[in-house]
Amino acid sequence: MPDDKNDDDSYVLEDTGESIADIEHEMEVAAQEADDTLTHQKTQPGGVASAVPAGGEDLRKLNDRYLRTVADFENYRKRSDREKDDFRKYAITNLLRDLLPVLDNFDRALDHAEQGDDFHKGVLLIYKQLYDIIQRAGLKPIDEVNVRFNPNIHEAVIREENPSVPAQTVTALLQKGYFLHDRLLRPALVKVAVGGPEKSDEIQ
């Protein structure tokens, strides 16, 4: 879908929330008024030429009104496209949110199972199949450590004195967070270091 920011149309107005039927009616009214004005000019003594000084301004206003109505229709179309696109992208939000505890249980099972045994291999296979499916639907994990604490995507469950790393460093992941496309589905639960040197730039 084209980026609205690149449109160069001086007649594009703010979205008024009108329905498509309202906008189409406005376009019909504007077109009918323009036609009536031309018909009136042709019936005046001297024909169209004699009425131009009086009717030219009316035509300009009708043309401007028509262009603005067309712009309203374009705004409505773009808004409708955005809404349909958002619906397609985020329709499964509630379903994925309900599945997150299942992913958490898979993570716990894999953490406690002995790597390499049949149980671990079986759980890992099922987990990867499920995760691949929901990842294709737009799910993205928040699972980094040794990064600066970000209150927009992290929830600090534990704050621990640790002078060996910069303050506000995420030192441990307690529970993964997730995005659905570019929307936060759930923040990550983390352990954060305090008491270390302050560092304003991103932690490497």
N, C-alpha and C. Protein backbone atom coordinates (compact mmCIF):
# COMPACT_ATOMS: atom_id res chain seq x y z
N MET A 1 0.87 -1.20 0.00
CA MET A 1 0.00 0.00 0.00
C MET A 1 0.89 1.24 0.00
N PRO A 2 0.65 2.23 -0.86
CA PRO A 2 1.49 3.43 -0.92
C PRO A 2 1.51 4.15 0.40
N ASP A 3 2.63 4.78 0.66
CA ASP A 3 2.80 5.54 1.90
C ASP A 3 2.10 6.87 1.78
N ASP A 4 1.16 7.16 2.71
CA ASP A 4 0.39 8.40 2.65
C ASP A 4 1.27 9.63 2.71
N LYS A 5 2.45 9.51 3.35
CA LYS A 5 3.30 10.68 3.54
C LYS A 5 3.88 11.18 2.22
N ASN A 6 3.89 10.29 1.20
CA ASN A 6 4.48 10.68 -0.07
C ASN A 6 3.47 11.32 -0.99
N ASP A 7 2.17 11.34 -0.59
CA ASP A 7 1.16 11.93 -1.45
C ASP A 7 1.33 13.43 -1.50
N ASP A 8 1.26 13.99 -2.70
CA ASP A 8 1.37 15.44 -2.86
C ASP A 8 0.08 15.94 -3.47
N ASP A 9 -0.91 16.22 -2.65
CA ASP A 9 -2.23 16.64 -3.12
C ASP A 9 -2.73 17.73 -2.20
N SER A 10 -2.78 18.94 -2.74
CA SER A 10 -3.15 20.08 -1.90
C SER A 10 -4.60 20.02 -1.47
N TYR A 11 -5.38 19.12 -2.07
CA TYR A 11 -6.79 19.03 -1.71
C TYR A 11 -7.08 17.93 -0.70
N VAL A 12 -6.06 17.18 -0.28
CA VAL A 12 -6.30 16.14 0.70
C VAL A 12 -6.60 16.76 2.05
N LEU A 13 -7.75 16.41 2.62
CA LEU A 13 -8.22 17.00 3.86
C LEU A 13 -8.07 15.99 4.99
N GLU A 14 -8.32 16.43 6.20
CA GLU A 14 -8.32 15.52 7.33
C GLU A 14 -9.50 14.56 7.20
N ASP A 15 -9.30 13.35 7.71
CA ASP A 15 -10.33 12.33 7.66
C ASP A 15 -11.53 12.79 8.48
N THR A 16 -12.69 12.94 7.80
CA THR A 16 -13.88 13.44 8.48
C THR A 16 -14.72 12.32 9.06
N GLY A 17 -14.41 11.09 8.71
CA GLY A 17 -15.19 9.97 9.22
C GLY A 17 -16.49 9.75 8.46
N GLU A 18 -16.70 10.45 7.35
CA GLU A 18 -17.92 10.27 6.57
C GLU A 18 -17.94 8.88 5.96
N SER A 19 -19.16 8.36 5.76
CA SER A 19 -19.29 7.07 5.11
C SER A 19 -19.12 7.25 3.61
N ILE A 20 -18.90 6.14 2.91
CA ILE A 20 -18.72 6.21 1.46
C ILE A 20 -20.00 6.71 0.79
N ALA A 21 -21.17 6.38 1.37
CA ALA A 21 -22.43 6.85 0.79
C ALA A 21 -22.54 8.37 0.89
N ASP A 22 -22.11 8.94 2.02
CA ASP A 22 -22.13 10.39 2.19
C ASP A 22 -21.24 11.08 1.17
N ILE A 23 -20.04 10.51 0.97
CA ILE A 23 -19.09 11.13 0.05
C ILE A 23 -19.59 11.04 -1.38
N GLU A 24 -20.14 9.89 -1.75
CA GLU A 24 -20.66 9.74 -3.11
C GLU A 24 -21.82 10.71 -3.34
N HIS A 25 -22.64 10.91 -2.32
CA HIS A 25 -23.75 11.86 -2.45
C HIS A 25 -23.22 13.27 -2.68
N GLU A 26 -22.17 13.66 -1.94
CA GLU A 26 -21.57 14.98 -2.12
C GLU A 26 -21.05 15.15 -3.55
N MET A 27 -20.42 14.10 -4.06
CA MET A 27 -19.89 14.17 -5.43
C MET A 27 -21.01 14.33 -6.44
N GLU A 28 -22.13 13.62 -6.23
CA GLU A 28 -23.27 13.74 -7.15
C GLU A 28 -23.87 15.14 -7.10
N VAL A 29 -23.99 15.69 -5.88
CA VAL A 29 -24.56 17.03 -5.73
C VAL A 29 -23.68 18.07 -6.42
N ALA A 30 -22.35 17.96 -6.22
CA ALA A 30 -21.43 18.92 -6.82
C ALA A 30 -21.48 18.84 -8.34
N ALA A 31 -21.53 17.61 -8.87
CA ALA A 31 -21.59 17.45 -10.32
C ALA A 31 -22.90 17.99 -10.88
N GLN A 32 -24.01 17.77 -10.18
CA GLN A 32 -25.32 18.25 -10.64
C GLN A 32 -25.37 19.77 -10.62
N GLU A 33 -24.80 20.38 -9.58
CA GLU A 33 -24.80 21.85 -9.51
C GLU A 33 -23.96 22.44 -10.63
N ALA A 34 -22.84 21.79 -10.94
CA ALA A 34 -22.01 22.28 -12.05
C ALA A 34 -22.77 22.18 -13.37
N ASP A 35 -23.50 21.09 -13.56
CA ASP A 35 -24.27 20.90 -14.80
C ASP A 35 -25.39 21.93 -14.88
N ASP A 36 -26.06 22.18 -13.74
CA ASP A 36 -27.14 23.17 -13.74
C ASP A 36 -26.61 24.57 -14.06
N THR A 37 -25.42 24.90 -13.56
CA THR A 37 -24.82 26.21 -13.82
C THR A 37 -24.53 26.38 -15.31
N LEU A 38 -23.95 25.32 -15.93
CA LEU A 38 -23.67 25.40 -17.36
C LEU A 38 -24.95 25.52 -18.18
N THR A 39 -25.98 24.79 -17.80
CA THR A 39 -27.27 24.85 -18.51
C THR A 39 -27.87 26.25 -18.40
N HIS A 40 -27.76 26.85 -17.22
CA HIS A 40 -28.29 28.19 -17.01
C HIS A 40 -27.55 29.21 -17.87
N GLN A 41 -26.23 29.04 -18.00
CA GLN A 41 -25.43 29.98 -18.80
C GLN A 41 -25.83 29.91 -20.26
N LYS A 42 -26.08 28.69 -20.73
CA LYS A 42 -26.40 28.53 -22.15
C LYS A 42 -27.76 29.12 -22.49
N THR A 43 -28.65 29.23 -21.54
CA THR A 43 -29.99 29.75 -21.80
C THR A 43 -30.08 31.27 -21.65
N GLN A 44 -28.98 31.91 -21.19
CA GLN A 44 -29.00 33.35 -21.02
C GLN A 44 -28.82 34.05 -22.37
N PRO A 45 -29.39 35.28 -22.51
CA PRO A 45 -29.19 36.04 -23.76
C PRO A 45 -27.69 36.22 -24.02
N GLY A 46 -27.31 35.97 -25.27
CA GLY A 46 -25.90 36.11 -25.63
C GLY A 46 -25.11 34.83 -25.43
N GLY A 47 -25.75 33.78 -24.90
CA GLY A 47 -25.06 32.50 -24.78
C GLY A 47 -24.11 32.48 -23.60
N VAL A 48 -23.19 31.48 -23.64
CA VAL A 48 -22.25 31.26 -22.55
C VAL A 48 -21.32 32.45 -22.37
N ALA A 49 -20.89 33.03 -23.44
CA ALA A 49 -19.89 34.10 -23.36
C ALA A 49 -20.38 35.26 -22.51
N SER A 50 -21.69 35.61 -22.64
CA SER A 50 -22.19 36.75 -21.89
C SER A 50 -22.32 36.45 -20.40
N ALA A 51 -22.35 35.16 -20.04
CA ALA A 51 -22.54 34.81 -18.63
C ALA A 51 -21.25 34.47 -17.92
N VAL A 52 -20.14 34.42 -18.63
CA VAL A 52 -18.88 34.02 -18.04
C VAL A 52 -18.48 34.87 -16.83
N PRO A 53 -18.57 36.23 -16.93
CA PRO A 53 -18.17 37.02 -15.77
C PRO A 53 -18.94 36.66 -14.51
N ALA A 54 -20.26 36.37 -14.65
CA ALA A 54 -21.04 36.06 -13.46
C ALA A 54 -20.88 34.60 -13.06
N GLY A 55 -20.78 33.68 -14.04
CA GLY A 55 -20.76 32.26 -13.74
C GLY A 55 -19.39 31.68 -13.50
N GLY A 56 -18.32 32.37 -13.91
CA GLY A 56 -16.98 31.82 -13.76
C GLY A 56 -16.63 31.53 -12.31
N GLU A 57 -17.00 32.43 -11.40
CA GLU A 57 -16.70 32.24 -9.99
C GLU A 57 -17.47 31.06 -9.42
N ASP A 58 -18.73 30.92 -9.89
CA ASP A 58 -19.54 29.78 -9.43
C ASP A 58 -18.92 28.47 -9.88
N LEU A 59 -18.46 28.43 -11.11
CA LEU A 59 -17.82 27.21 -11.61
C LEU A 59 -16.54 26.89 -10.85
N ARG A 60 -15.77 27.95 -10.53
CA ARG A 60 -14.53 27.72 -9.78
C ARG A 60 -14.84 27.12 -8.41
N LYS A 61 -15.89 27.66 -7.76
CA LYS A 61 -16.26 27.14 -6.44
C LYS A 61 -16.76 25.71 -6.54
N LEU A 62 -17.56 25.42 -7.57
CA LEU A 62 -18.05 24.06 -7.74
C LEU A 62 -16.92 23.09 -8.03
N ASN A 63 -15.97 23.54 -8.84
CA ASN A 63 -14.82 22.68 -9.15
C ASN A 63 -14.00 22.40 -7.90
N ASP A 64 -13.81 23.46 -7.09
CA ASP A 64 -13.06 23.29 -5.84
C ASP A 64 -13.80 22.34 -4.91
N ARG A 65 -15.10 22.50 -4.84
CA ARG A 65 -15.90 21.61 -3.99
C ARG A 65 -15.81 20.17 -4.48
N TYR A 66 -15.84 19.99 -5.77
CA TYR A 66 -15.75 18.63 -6.33
C TYR A 66 -14.40 18.00 -6.00
N LEU A 67 -13.32 18.80 -6.17
CA LEU A 67 -11.99 18.27 -5.88
C LEU A 67 -11.85 17.89 -4.40
N ARG A 68 -12.41 18.71 -3.54
CA ARG A 68 -12.35 18.40 -2.11
C ARG A 68 -13.16 17.14 -1.78
N THR A 69 -14.29 16.97 -2.46
CA THR A 69 -15.08 15.77 -2.24
C THR A 69 -14.34 14.53 -2.71
N VAL A 70 -13.66 14.65 -3.85
CA VAL A 70 -12.84 13.54 -4.34
C VAL A 70 -11.73 13.23 -3.33
N ALA A 71 -11.13 14.29 -2.76
CA ALA A 71 -10.07 14.09 -1.76
C ALA A 71 -10.63 13.38 -0.53
N ASP A 72 -11.85 13.75 -0.11
CA ASP A 72 -12.48 13.07 1.02
C ASP A 72 -12.68 11.59 0.71
N PHE A 73 -13.07 11.31 -0.51
CA PHE A 73 -13.26 9.91 -0.90
C PHE A 73 -11.93 9.15 -0.87
N GLU A 74 -10.86 9.80 -1.32
CA GLU A 74 -9.54 9.17 -1.30
C GLU A 74 -9.09 8.92 0.14
N ASN A 75 -9.36 9.88 1.02
CA ASN A 75 -9.03 9.69 2.43
C ASN A 75 -9.81 8.52 3.02
N TYR A 76 -11.07 8.43 2.65
CA TYR A 76 -11.89 7.31 3.14
C TYR A 76 -11.33 5.98 2.64
N ARG A 77 -10.93 5.93 1.39
CA ARG A 77 -10.38 4.69 0.83
C ARG A 77 -9.11 4.29 1.55
N LYS A 78 -8.24 5.29 1.80
CA LYS A 78 -6.98 4.98 2.49
C LYS A 78 -7.23 4.52 3.92
N ARG A 79 -8.17 5.17 4.60
CA ARG A 79 -8.50 4.76 5.96
C ARG A 79 -9.04 3.34 5.98
N SER A 80 -9.89 3.04 5.01
CA SER A 80 -10.45 1.69 4.91
C SER A 80 -9.37 0.66 4.65
N ASP A 81 -8.41 1.00 3.78
CA ASP A 81 -7.31 0.08 3.49
C ASP A 81 -6.46 -0.16 4.73
N ARG A 82 -6.20 0.93 5.50
CA ARG A 82 -5.41 0.78 6.73
C ARG A 82 -6.12 -0.12 7.73
N GLU A 83 -7.43 0.09 7.87
CA GLU A 83 -8.19 -0.71 8.82
C GLU A 83 -8.21 -2.18 8.43
N LYS A 84 -8.35 -2.45 7.13
CA LYS A 84 -8.35 -3.84 6.68
C LYS A 84 -6.98 -4.47 6.87
N ASP A 85 -5.93 -3.70 6.60
CA ASP A 85 -4.57 -4.22 6.78
C ASP A 85 -4.29 -4.52 8.25
N ASP A 86 -4.71 -3.60 9.14
CA ASP A 86 -4.51 -3.82 10.57
C ASP A 86 -5.31 -5.03 11.05
N PHE A 87 -6.51 -5.21 10.52
CA PHE A 87 -7.32 -6.35 10.93
C PHE A 87 -6.63 -7.66 10.54
N ARG A 88 -6.09 -7.70 9.32
CA ARG A 88 -5.40 -8.91 8.87
C ARG A 88 -4.18 -9.20 9.74
N LYS A 89 -3.45 -8.14 10.12
CA LYS A 89 -2.21 -8.33 10.88
C LYS A 89 -2.45 -8.70 12.33
N TYR A 90 -3.52 -8.14 12.93
CA TYR A 90 -3.69 -8.27 14.37
C TYR A 90 -4.94 -9.03 14.80
N ALA A 91 -5.61 -9.69 13.85
CA ALA A 91 -6.84 -10.41 14.18
C ALA A 91 -6.59 -11.55 15.17
N ILE A 92 -5.37 -12.10 15.16
CA ILE A 92 -5.08 -13.25 16.02
C ILE A 92 -4.42 -12.83 17.34
N THR A 93 -4.49 -11.55 17.69
CA THR A 93 -3.84 -11.07 18.92
C THR A 93 -4.28 -11.85 20.15
N ASN A 94 -5.57 -11.99 20.35
CA ASN A 94 -6.07 -12.67 21.55
C ASN A 94 -5.68 -14.15 21.55
N LEU A 95 -5.72 -14.77 20.38
CA LEU A 95 -5.33 -16.17 20.29
C LEU A 95 -3.87 -16.36 20.68
N LEU A 96 -2.99 -15.51 20.14
CA LEU A 96 -1.57 -15.63 20.46
C LEU A 96 -1.31 -15.32 21.94
N ARG A 97 -2.02 -14.35 22.48
CA ARG A 97 -1.84 -14.02 23.90
C ARG A 97 -2.22 -15.24 24.78
N ASP A 98 -3.25 -15.97 24.37
CA ASP A 98 -3.64 -17.17 25.11
C ASP A 98 -2.62 -18.30 24.95
N LEU A 99 -1.87 -18.29 23.85
CA LEU A 99 -0.87 -19.34 23.61
C LEU A 99 0.46 -19.07 24.31
N LEU A 100 0.69 -17.85 24.76
CA LEU A 100 1.99 -17.53 25.37
C LEU A 100 2.30 -18.40 26.60
N PRO A 101 1.34 -18.69 27.49
CA PRO A 101 1.67 -19.59 28.60
C PRO A 101 2.09 -20.98 28.14
N VAL A 102 1.55 -21.43 27.00
CA VAL A 102 1.96 -22.73 26.45
C VAL A 102 3.43 -22.66 26.02
N LEU A 103 3.82 -21.56 25.37
CA LEU A 103 5.23 -21.40 24.99
C LEU A 103 6.11 -21.33 26.23
N ASP A 104 5.62 -20.65 27.27
CA ASP A 104 6.40 -20.57 28.52
C ASP A 104 6.63 -21.96 29.10
N ASN A 105 5.61 -22.81 29.06
CA ASN A 105 5.76 -24.16 29.59
C ASN A 105 6.73 -24.99 28.76
N PHE A 106 6.72 -24.78 27.45
CA PHE A 106 7.71 -25.45 26.61
C PHE A 106 9.13 -25.01 27.00
N ASP A 107 9.30 -23.71 27.21
CA ASP A 107 10.62 -23.20 27.59
C ASP A 107 11.08 -23.83 28.91
N ARG A 108 10.17 -23.93 29.89
CA ARG A 108 10.54 -24.50 31.18
C ARG A 108 10.88 -25.99 31.04
N ALA A 109 10.09 -26.70 30.24
CA ALA A 109 10.35 -28.12 30.05
C ALA A 109 11.70 -28.34 29.39
N LEU A 110 12.03 -27.52 28.40
CA LEU A 110 13.32 -27.66 27.72
C LEU A 110 14.48 -27.29 28.63
N ASP A 111 14.26 -26.29 29.50
CA ASP A 111 15.33 -25.89 30.43
C ASP A 111 15.64 -26.98 31.45
N HIS A 112 14.61 -27.75 31.85
CA HIS A 112 14.80 -28.74 32.91
C HIS A 112 15.07 -30.15 32.39
N ALA A 113 14.81 -30.37 31.11
CA ALA A 113 15.07 -31.69 30.54
C ALA A 113 16.56 -31.82 30.20
N GLU A 114 17.05 -33.03 30.28
CA GLU A 114 18.45 -33.27 29.95
C GLU A 114 18.63 -33.25 28.44
N GLN A 115 19.49 -32.37 27.98
CA GLN A 115 19.67 -32.23 26.54
C GLN A 115 20.20 -33.53 25.95
N GLY A 116 19.62 -33.89 24.83
CA GLY A 116 20.08 -35.08 24.13
C GLY A 116 19.25 -36.31 24.37
N ASP A 117 18.46 -36.34 25.46
CA ASP A 117 17.65 -37.54 25.68
C ASP A 117 16.39 -37.48 24.83
N ASP A 118 15.67 -38.58 24.77
CA ASP A 118 14.51 -38.67 23.88
C ASP A 118 13.41 -37.69 24.26
N PHE A 119 13.21 -37.48 25.57
CA PHE A 119 12.18 -36.54 26.01
C PHE A 119 12.50 -35.13 25.51
N HIS A 120 13.75 -34.71 25.69
CA HIS A 120 14.16 -33.37 25.26
C HIS A 120 13.98 -33.22 23.75
N LYS A 121 14.38 -34.24 23.00
CA LYS A 121 14.27 -34.17 21.54
C LYS A 121 12.81 -34.08 21.10
N GLY A 122 11.93 -34.85 21.76
CA GLY A 122 10.52 -34.82 21.39
C GLY A 122 9.87 -33.49 21.70
N VAL A 123 10.13 -32.96 22.90
CA VAL A 123 9.57 -31.67 23.27
C VAL A 123 10.08 -30.57 22.34
N LEU A 124 11.38 -30.61 22.04
CA LEU A 124 11.97 -29.60 21.17
C LEU A 124 11.36 -29.64 19.78
N LEU A 125 11.10 -30.83 19.26
CA LEU A 125 10.50 -30.97 17.93
C LEU A 125 9.10 -30.36 17.90
N ILE A 126 8.28 -30.68 18.90
CA ILE A 126 6.92 -30.13 18.96
C ILE A 126 6.96 -28.61 19.13
N TYR A 127 7.85 -28.14 19.98
CA TYR A 127 7.99 -26.70 20.22
C TYR A 127 8.36 -25.96 18.94
N LYS A 128 9.31 -26.50 18.21
CA LYS A 128 9.76 -25.83 16.97
C LYS A 128 8.65 -25.80 15.94
N GLN A 129 7.86 -26.87 15.85
CA GLN A 129 6.75 -26.88 14.90
C GLN A 129 5.73 -25.80 15.25
N LEU A 130 5.37 -25.73 16.52
CA LEU A 130 4.40 -24.72 16.96
C LEU A 130 4.97 -23.31 16.79
N TYR A 131 6.21 -23.12 17.21
CA TYR A 131 6.80 -21.79 17.17
C TYR A 131 6.97 -21.29 15.74
N ASP A 132 7.34 -22.17 14.82
CA ASP A 132 7.50 -21.77 13.42
C ASP A 132 6.18 -21.26 12.85
N ILE A 133 5.08 -21.91 13.23
CA ILE A 133 3.77 -21.50 12.72
C ILE A 133 3.41 -20.10 13.21
N ILE A 134 3.53 -19.86 14.51
CA ILE A 134 3.12 -18.56 15.04
C ILE A 134 4.14 -17.47 14.71
N GLN A 135 5.38 -17.86 14.45
CA GLN A 135 6.36 -16.87 14.01
C GLN A 135 6.02 -16.36 12.62
N ARG A 136 5.53 -17.23 11.76
CA ARG A 136 5.11 -16.80 10.42
C ARG A 136 3.91 -15.87 10.50
N ALA A 137 3.14 -15.96 11.57
CA ALA A 137 1.99 -15.07 11.76
C ALA A 137 2.39 -13.71 12.31
N GLY A 138 3.69 -13.52 12.62
CA GLY A 138 4.17 -12.21 13.05
C GLY A 138 4.68 -12.14 14.47
N LEU A 139 4.75 -13.26 15.19
CA LEU A 139 5.23 -13.23 16.57
C LEU A 139 6.75 -13.11 16.59
N LYS A 140 7.26 -12.18 17.42
CA LYS A 140 8.70 -11.96 17.55
C LYS A 140 9.06 -11.91 19.03
N PRO A 141 10.10 -12.65 19.44
CA PRO A 141 10.43 -12.70 20.87
C PRO A 141 11.25 -11.50 21.33
N ILE A 142 11.13 -11.20 22.60
CA ILE A 142 12.01 -10.24 23.29
C ILE A 142 12.79 -11.07 24.30
N ASP A 143 14.04 -11.41 23.97
CA ASP A 143 14.78 -12.36 24.81
C ASP A 143 16.26 -12.00 24.97
N GLU A 144 16.61 -10.78 24.67
CA GLU A 144 18.01 -10.39 24.78
C GLU A 144 18.39 -10.09 26.23
N VAL A 145 19.63 -10.43 26.57
CA VAL A 145 20.21 -10.04 27.85
C VAL A 145 21.46 -9.21 27.57
N ASN A 146 22.01 -8.60 28.63
CA ASN A 146 23.17 -7.70 28.49
C ASN A 146 22.85 -6.52 27.58
N VAL A 147 21.61 -6.08 27.64
CA VAL A 147 21.18 -4.87 26.94
C VAL A 147 20.64 -3.91 28.00
N ARG A 148 20.51 -2.66 27.63
CA ARG A 148 20.00 -1.67 28.59
C ARG A 148 18.51 -1.90 28.84
N PHE A 149 18.12 -1.78 30.08
CA PHE A 149 16.71 -1.93 30.45
C PHE A 149 15.87 -0.90 29.71
N ASN A 150 14.80 -1.36 29.09
CA ASN A 150 13.89 -0.49 28.34
C ASN A 150 12.49 -0.68 28.92
N PRO A 151 11.97 0.33 29.63
CA PRO A 151 10.65 0.17 30.27
C PRO A 151 9.51 -0.05 29.28
N ASN A 152 9.75 0.22 28.01
CA ASN A 152 8.71 0.01 27.00
C ASN A 152 8.52 -1.46 26.66
N ILE A 153 9.57 -2.28 26.87
CA ILE A 153 9.47 -3.69 26.49
C ILE A 153 9.89 -4.63 27.62
N HIS A 154 10.43 -4.08 28.73
CA HIS A 154 10.88 -4.89 29.86
C HIS A 154 10.07 -4.57 31.10
N GLU A 155 9.92 -5.58 31.95
CA GLU A 155 9.36 -5.39 33.28
C GLU A 155 10.37 -5.94 34.28
N ALA A 156 10.90 -5.07 35.11
CA ALA A 156 11.94 -5.47 36.07
C ALA A 156 11.29 -6.18 37.25
N VAL A 157 11.55 -7.48 37.38
CA VAL A 157 11.02 -8.27 38.49
C VAL A 157 12.02 -8.28 39.65
N ILE A 158 13.31 -8.29 39.32
CA ILE A 158 14.37 -8.32 40.33
C ILE A 158 15.38 -7.24 40.00
N ARG A 159 15.77 -6.49 41.01
CA ARG A 159 16.88 -5.54 40.87
C ARG A 159 17.99 -6.01 41.80
N GLU A 160 19.16 -6.19 41.21
CA GLU A 160 20.27 -6.81 41.94
C GLU A 160 21.51 -5.92 41.89
N GLU A 161 22.12 -5.72 43.05
CA GLU A 161 23.37 -4.97 43.11
C GLU A 161 24.45 -5.72 42.33
N ASN A 162 25.02 -5.04 41.36
CA ASN A 162 26.07 -5.66 40.55
C ASN A 162 26.95 -4.56 39.98
N PRO A 163 28.02 -4.18 40.67
CA PRO A 163 28.88 -3.09 40.21
C PRO A 163 29.76 -3.45 39.02
N SER A 164 29.74 -4.71 38.60
CA SER A 164 30.61 -5.14 37.50
C SER A 164 30.05 -4.80 36.13
N VAL A 165 28.79 -4.39 36.06
CA VAL A 165 28.19 -4.02 34.78
C VAL A 165 27.53 -2.65 34.94
N PRO A 166 27.31 -1.94 33.84
CA PRO A 166 26.64 -0.64 33.94
C PRO A 166 25.25 -0.76 34.58
N ALA A 167 24.87 0.26 35.28
CA ALA A 167 23.54 0.28 35.90
C ALA A 167 22.46 0.15 34.83
N GLN A 168 21.36 -0.49 35.20
CA GLN A 168 20.21 -0.69 34.32
C GLN A 168 20.50 -1.68 33.19
N THR A 169 21.45 -2.59 33.42
CA THR A 169 21.71 -3.66 32.46
C THR A 169 20.79 -4.84 32.76
N VAL A 170 20.19 -5.39 31.72
CA VAL A 170 19.40 -6.61 31.88
C VAL A 170 20.38 -7.78 31.98
N THR A 171 20.45 -8.39 33.16
CA THR A 171 21.43 -9.46 33.38
C THR A 171 20.83 -10.85 33.26
N ALA A 172 19.52 -10.97 33.33
CA ALA A 172 18.90 -12.30 33.21
C ALA A 172 17.48 -12.15 32.68
N LEU A 173 17.08 -13.13 31.88
CA LEU A 173 15.72 -13.18 31.34
C LEU A 173 14.92 -14.19 32.14
N LEU A 174 13.86 -13.74 32.77
CA LEU A 174 13.03 -14.63 33.58
C LEU A 174 11.84 -15.17 32.80
N GLN A 175 11.35 -14.38 31.86
CA GLN A 175 10.27 -14.82 30.98
C GLN A 175 10.30 -14.00 29.71
N LYS A 176 10.25 -14.65 28.59
CA LYS A 176 10.31 -13.95 27.30
C LYS A 176 9.13 -13.00 27.13
N GLY A 177 9.41 -11.90 26.45
CA GLY A 177 8.34 -11.02 26.00
C GLY A 177 8.14 -11.25 24.52
N TYR A 178 7.07 -10.66 23.98
CA TYR A 178 6.77 -10.89 22.57
C TYR A 178 6.16 -9.66 21.93
N PHE A 179 6.48 -9.49 20.64
CA PHE A 179 5.80 -8.55 19.76
C PHE A 179 4.92 -9.33 18.81
N LEU A 180 3.81 -8.73 18.41
CA LEU A 180 3.07 -9.19 17.24
C LEU A 180 3.26 -8.13 16.18
N HIS A 181 4.08 -8.45 15.19
CA HIS A 181 4.55 -7.46 14.22
C HIS A 181 5.24 -6.33 14.99
N ASP A 182 4.68 -5.11 14.97
CA ASP A 182 5.34 -4.00 15.66
C ASP A 182 4.61 -3.58 16.93
N ARG A 183 3.67 -4.40 17.39
CA ARG A 183 2.94 -4.09 18.62
C ARG A 183 3.40 -5.01 19.75
N LEU A 184 3.55 -4.42 20.92
CA LEU A 184 3.96 -5.20 22.08
C LEU A 184 2.80 -6.09 22.53
N LEU A 185 3.06 -7.39 22.57
CA LEU A 185 2.06 -8.34 23.02
C LEU A 185 2.21 -8.61 24.52
N ARG A 186 3.48 -8.70 24.97
CA ARG A 186 3.76 -8.90 26.39
C ARG A 186 5.19 -8.47 26.68
N PRO A 187 5.43 -7.71 27.75
CA PRO A 187 6.81 -7.32 28.07
C PRO A 187 7.59 -8.52 28.61
N ALA A 188 8.91 -8.45 28.48
CA ALA A 188 9.77 -9.49 29.03
C ALA A 188 9.99 -9.23 30.52
N LEU A 189 9.96 -10.30 31.32
CA LEU A 189 10.28 -10.20 32.74
C LEU A 189 11.77 -10.42 32.92
N VAL A 190 12.45 -9.47 33.56
CA VAL A 190 13.91 -9.50 33.58
C VAL A 190 14.47 -9.17 34.97
N LYS A 191 15.76 -9.53 35.13
CA LYS A 191 16.53 -9.11 36.29
C LYS A 191 17.44 -7.96 35.84
N VAL A 192 17.49 -6.90 36.62
CA VAL A 192 18.22 -5.70 36.24
C VAL A 192 19.30 -5.39 37.26
N ALA A 193 20.49 -5.04 36.77
CA ALA A 193 21.60 -4.69 37.65
C ALA A 193 21.50 -3.24 38.06
N VAL A 194 21.82 -2.96 39.32
CA VAL A 194 21.89 -1.59 39.83
C VAL A 194 23.20 -1.46 40.61
N GLY A 195 23.61 -0.21 40.82
CA GLY A 195 24.81 0.04 41.61
C GLY A 195 26.08 0.12 40.81
N GLY A 196 26.03 -0.16 39.52
CA GLY A 196 27.21 -0.08 38.68
C GLY A 196 27.37 1.30 38.08
N PRO A 197 28.38 1.48 37.22
CA PRO A 197 28.58 2.79 36.59
C PRO A 197 27.43 3.14 35.67
N GLU A 198 27.12 4.43 35.62
CA GLU A 198 26.06 4.90 34.74
C GLU A 198 26.58 4.94 33.32
N LYS A 199 25.72 4.58 32.38
CA LYS A 199 26.09 4.60 30.97
C LYS A 199 24.87 4.99 30.17
N SER A 200 24.93 6.12 29.49
CA SER A 200 23.75 6.65 28.80
C SER A 200 23.56 6.03 27.44
N ASP A 201 24.64 5.58 26.79
CA ASP A 201 24.51 5.01 25.46
C ASP A 201 24.16 3.54 25.57
N GLU A 202 23.91 2.91 24.42
CA GLU A 202 23.46 1.53 24.40
C GLU A 202 24.57 0.61 24.89
N ILE A 203 24.17 -0.38 25.69
CA ILE A 203 25.12 -1.34 26.23
C ILE A 203 25.49 -2.33 25.16
N GLN A 204 26.73 -2.56 25.00
CA GLN A 204 27.20 -3.50 23.97
C GLN A 204 27.23 -4.91 24.54
